[in-house]
Amino acid sequence: MPRSSAPKEPASYEQALAELDQLVQQMEGGQLPLDQLLDGYRRGADLLGYCRSRLQAVEEQVKLLEDGQLKTWTPPQ
């Protein structure tokens, strides 16, 4: 059965994490048929790649703001 369309990119990092969490729960539940399990794994890999790229982009922006050096963040006391 061919796929109807490619999954869309998440609207945000947080949405990607939420979808990834839901996928992991479904996969760990052990109730998915093999084809759906494989599709879930593929989607999870795509979401993980999206999250990594967003984190890297934010890190690069912080480096620019901090004059090219990524400084250790310390929470306010």
N, C-alpha and C. Protein backbone atom coordinates (compact mmCIF):
# COMPACT_ATOMS: atom_id res chain seq x y z
N MET A 1 0.84 -1.18 0.00
CA MET A 1 0.00 0.00 0.00
C MET A 1 0.88 1.24 0.00
N PRO A 2 0.86 2.07 -1.03
CA PRO A 2 1.71 3.24 -1.11
C PRO A 2 1.27 4.32 -0.13
N ARG A 3 2.24 5.10 0.30
CA ARG A 3 1.94 6.20 1.21
C ARG A 3 1.27 7.31 0.42
N SER A 4 0.33 8.00 1.07
CA SER A 4 -0.40 9.06 0.39
C SER A 4 0.45 10.32 0.25
N SER A 5 1.22 10.66 1.27
CA SER A 5 2.08 11.84 1.21
C SER A 5 3.15 11.74 2.29
N ALA A 6 4.20 12.51 2.10
CA ALA A 6 5.27 12.54 3.09
C ALA A 6 4.79 13.28 4.33
N PRO A 7 5.24 12.84 5.51
CA PRO A 7 4.84 13.54 6.74
C PRO A 7 5.33 14.97 6.72
N LYS A 8 4.54 15.85 7.26
CA LYS A 8 4.92 17.26 7.26
C LYS A 8 5.92 17.55 8.39
N GLU A 9 6.67 18.62 8.18
CA GLU A 9 7.63 19.05 9.19
C GLU A 9 6.87 19.64 10.38
N PRO A 10 7.34 19.39 11.58
CA PRO A 10 6.66 19.93 12.76
C PRO A 10 6.67 21.46 12.74
N ALA A 11 5.69 22.05 13.38
CA ALA A 11 5.60 23.51 13.45
C ALA A 11 6.62 24.09 14.41
N SER A 12 7.07 23.27 15.38
CA SER A 12 8.01 23.78 16.37
C SER A 12 8.81 22.62 16.97
N TYR A 13 9.85 22.97 17.67
CA TYR A 13 10.67 21.99 18.39
C TYR A 13 9.82 21.25 19.41
N GLU A 14 9.00 22.00 20.12
CA GLU A 14 8.15 21.39 21.15
C GLU A 14 7.14 20.41 20.55
N GLN A 15 6.59 20.76 19.40
CA GLN A 15 5.64 19.86 18.73
C GLN A 15 6.36 18.58 18.29
N ALA A 16 7.58 18.73 17.80
CA ALA A 16 8.35 17.57 17.38
C ALA A 16 8.63 16.65 18.56
N LEU A 17 9.00 17.23 19.70
CA LEU A 17 9.24 16.42 20.90
C LEU A 17 7.99 15.70 21.36
N ALA A 18 6.86 16.38 21.32
CA ALA A 18 5.60 15.76 21.74
C ALA A 18 5.24 14.59 20.82
N GLU A 19 5.41 14.80 19.52
CA GLU A 19 5.10 13.71 18.57
C GLU A 19 6.07 12.55 18.76
N LEU A 20 7.34 12.87 18.98
CA LEU A 20 8.34 11.84 19.20
C LEU A 20 8.02 11.04 20.47
N ASP A 21 7.62 11.71 21.52
CA ASP A 21 7.24 11.04 22.76
C ASP A 21 6.05 10.11 22.54
N GLN A 22 5.07 10.57 21.79
CA GLN A 22 3.89 9.75 21.50
C GLN A 22 4.29 8.52 20.68
N LEU A 23 5.16 8.69 19.70
CA LEU A 23 5.64 7.57 18.90
C LEU A 23 6.35 6.53 19.76
N VAL A 24 7.21 7.00 20.65
CA VAL A 24 7.95 6.08 21.52
C VAL A 24 6.99 5.29 22.39
N GLN A 25 5.99 5.95 22.93
CA GLN A 25 5.01 5.25 23.77
C GLN A 25 4.26 4.18 22.98
N GLN A 26 3.88 4.51 21.75
CA GLN A 26 3.16 3.54 20.91
C GLN A 26 4.07 2.35 20.59
N MET A 27 5.32 2.64 20.26
CA MET A 27 6.25 1.58 19.89
C MET A 27 6.59 0.70 21.08
N GLU A 28 6.76 1.31 22.24
CA GLU A 28 7.07 0.53 23.44
C GLU A 28 5.89 -0.31 23.88
N GLY A 29 4.68 0.11 23.51
CA GLY A 29 3.48 -0.63 23.87
C GLY A 29 3.41 -2.00 23.20
N GLY A 30 4.15 -2.16 22.11
CA GLY A 30 4.22 -3.45 21.45
C GLY A 30 2.95 -3.87 20.73
N GLN A 31 2.06 -2.93 20.47
CA GLN A 31 0.79 -3.27 19.85
C GLN A 31 0.70 -2.89 18.38
N LEU A 32 1.76 -2.27 17.84
CA LEU A 32 1.72 -1.82 16.45
C LEU A 32 2.09 -2.96 15.51
N PRO A 33 1.38 -3.06 14.38
CA PRO A 33 1.80 -4.02 13.35
C PRO A 33 3.18 -3.64 12.83
N LEU A 34 3.87 -4.60 12.25
CA LEU A 34 5.25 -4.40 11.81
C LEU A 34 5.40 -3.22 10.85
N ASP A 35 4.51 -3.08 9.89
CA ASP A 35 4.60 -1.96 8.94
C ASP A 35 4.47 -0.62 9.65
N GLN A 36 3.56 -0.52 10.59
CA GLN A 36 3.39 0.73 11.34
C GLN A 36 4.58 0.98 12.25
N LEU A 37 5.16 -0.08 12.78
CA LEU A 37 6.34 0.05 13.62
C LEU A 37 7.51 0.62 12.81
N LEU A 38 7.68 0.13 11.60
CA LEU A 38 8.73 0.62 10.71
C LEU A 38 8.48 2.08 10.33
N ASP A 39 7.24 2.42 10.00
CA ASP A 39 6.89 3.80 9.69
C ASP A 39 7.14 4.71 10.90
N GLY A 40 6.80 4.23 12.09
CA GLY A 40 7.04 4.99 13.31
C GLY A 40 8.52 5.22 13.55
N TYR A 41 9.31 4.21 13.28
CA TYR A 41 10.76 4.34 13.44
C TYR A 41 11.30 5.39 12.47
N ARG A 42 10.84 5.35 11.22
CA ARG A 42 11.29 6.33 10.22
C ARG A 42 10.89 7.75 10.63
N ARG A 43 9.64 7.89 11.05
CA ARG A 43 9.16 9.21 11.47
C ARG A 43 9.94 9.69 12.68
N GLY A 44 10.22 8.79 13.61
CA GLY A 44 11.00 9.15 14.79
C GLY A 44 12.39 9.63 14.42
N ALA A 45 13.02 8.96 13.46
CA ALA A 45 14.34 9.38 13.00
C ALA A 45 14.28 10.76 12.36
N ASP A 46 13.23 11.02 11.59
CA ASP A 46 13.05 12.34 10.98
C ASP A 46 12.86 13.42 12.05
N LEU A 47 12.03 13.11 13.05
CA LEU A 47 11.78 14.07 14.13
C LEU A 47 13.04 14.34 14.94
N LEU A 48 13.80 13.30 15.20
CA LEU A 48 15.05 13.45 15.94
C LEU A 48 16.02 14.34 15.17
N GLY A 49 16.12 14.12 13.87
CA GLY A 49 16.97 14.97 13.03
C GLY A 49 16.52 16.42 13.05
N TYR A 50 15.20 16.64 13.00
CA TYR A 50 14.66 17.99 13.06
C TYR A 50 15.04 18.66 14.39
N CYS A 51 14.86 17.93 15.50
CA CYS A 51 15.17 18.49 16.81
C CYS A 51 16.66 18.82 16.93
N ARG A 52 17.50 17.94 16.46
CA ARG A 52 18.94 18.20 16.50
C ARG A 52 19.32 19.43 15.70
N SER A 53 18.72 19.57 14.51
CA SER A 53 19.05 20.73 13.67
C SER A 53 18.56 22.03 14.31
N ARG A 54 17.39 21.99 14.95
CA ARG A 54 16.88 23.19 15.63
C ARG A 54 17.78 23.56 16.80
N LEU A 55 18.22 22.57 17.58
CA LEU A 55 19.12 22.85 18.70
C LEU A 55 20.44 23.44 18.22
N GLN A 56 20.96 22.89 17.13
CA GLN A 56 22.22 23.39 16.58
C GLN A 56 22.04 24.83 16.09
N ALA A 57 20.92 25.13 15.45
CA ALA A 57 20.66 26.48 14.97
C ALA A 57 20.59 27.47 16.13
N VAL A 58 19.94 27.07 17.21
CA VAL A 58 19.84 27.94 18.38
C VAL A 58 21.22 28.15 19.00
N GLU A 59 22.00 27.08 19.09
CA GLU A 59 23.34 27.19 19.64
C GLU A 59 24.19 28.16 18.81
N GLU A 60 24.07 28.10 17.50
CA GLU A 60 24.82 29.02 16.63
C GLU A 60 24.37 30.46 16.86
N GLN A 61 23.09 30.67 17.07
CA GLN A 61 22.59 32.02 17.33
C GLN A 61 23.13 32.55 18.66
N VAL A 62 23.18 31.67 19.66
CA VAL A 62 23.71 32.07 20.97
C VAL A 62 25.19 32.42 20.84
N LYS A 63 25.94 31.65 20.07
CA LYS A 63 27.36 31.95 19.87
C LYS A 63 27.53 33.34 19.25
N LEU A 64 26.69 33.66 18.27
CA LEU A 64 26.77 34.98 17.66
C LEU A 64 26.47 36.08 18.68
N LEU A 65 25.48 35.85 19.50
CA LEU A 65 25.11 36.83 20.51
C LEU A 65 26.18 36.98 21.58
N GLU A 66 26.92 35.92 21.82
CA GLU A 66 27.94 35.93 22.86
C GLU A 66 29.33 36.18 22.28
N ASP A 67 29.41 36.82 21.12
CA ASP A 67 30.68 37.18 20.51
C ASP A 67 31.50 35.97 20.08
N GLY A 68 30.82 34.95 19.56
CA GLY A 68 31.51 33.79 19.02
C GLY A 68 31.91 32.74 20.03
N GLN A 69 31.61 32.94 21.29
CA GLN A 69 31.96 31.96 22.32
C GLN A 69 30.71 31.52 23.05
N LEU A 70 30.54 30.21 23.10
CA LEU A 70 29.40 29.68 23.83
C LEU A 70 29.77 29.65 25.31
N LYS A 71 29.07 30.44 26.11
CA LYS A 71 29.39 30.53 27.54
C LYS A 71 28.46 29.61 28.32
N THR A 72 28.93 29.17 29.46
CA THR A 72 28.12 28.32 30.34
C THR A 72 27.01 29.15 30.94
N TRP A 73 25.80 28.63 30.84
CA TRP A 73 24.66 29.32 31.40
C TRP A 73 24.50 28.94 32.86
N THR A 74 24.35 29.92 33.70
CA THR A 74 24.07 29.65 35.10
C THR A 74 22.70 30.24 35.42
N PRO A 75 21.84 29.43 36.01
CA PRO A 75 20.49 29.92 36.31
C PRO A 75 20.52 31.01 37.37
N PRO A 76 19.56 31.94 37.31
CA PRO A 76 19.48 32.99 38.33
C PRO A 76 19.23 32.38 39.70
N GLN A 77 19.78 33.02 40.67
CA GLN A 77 19.67 32.48 42.05
C GLN A 77 18.54 33.11 42.81
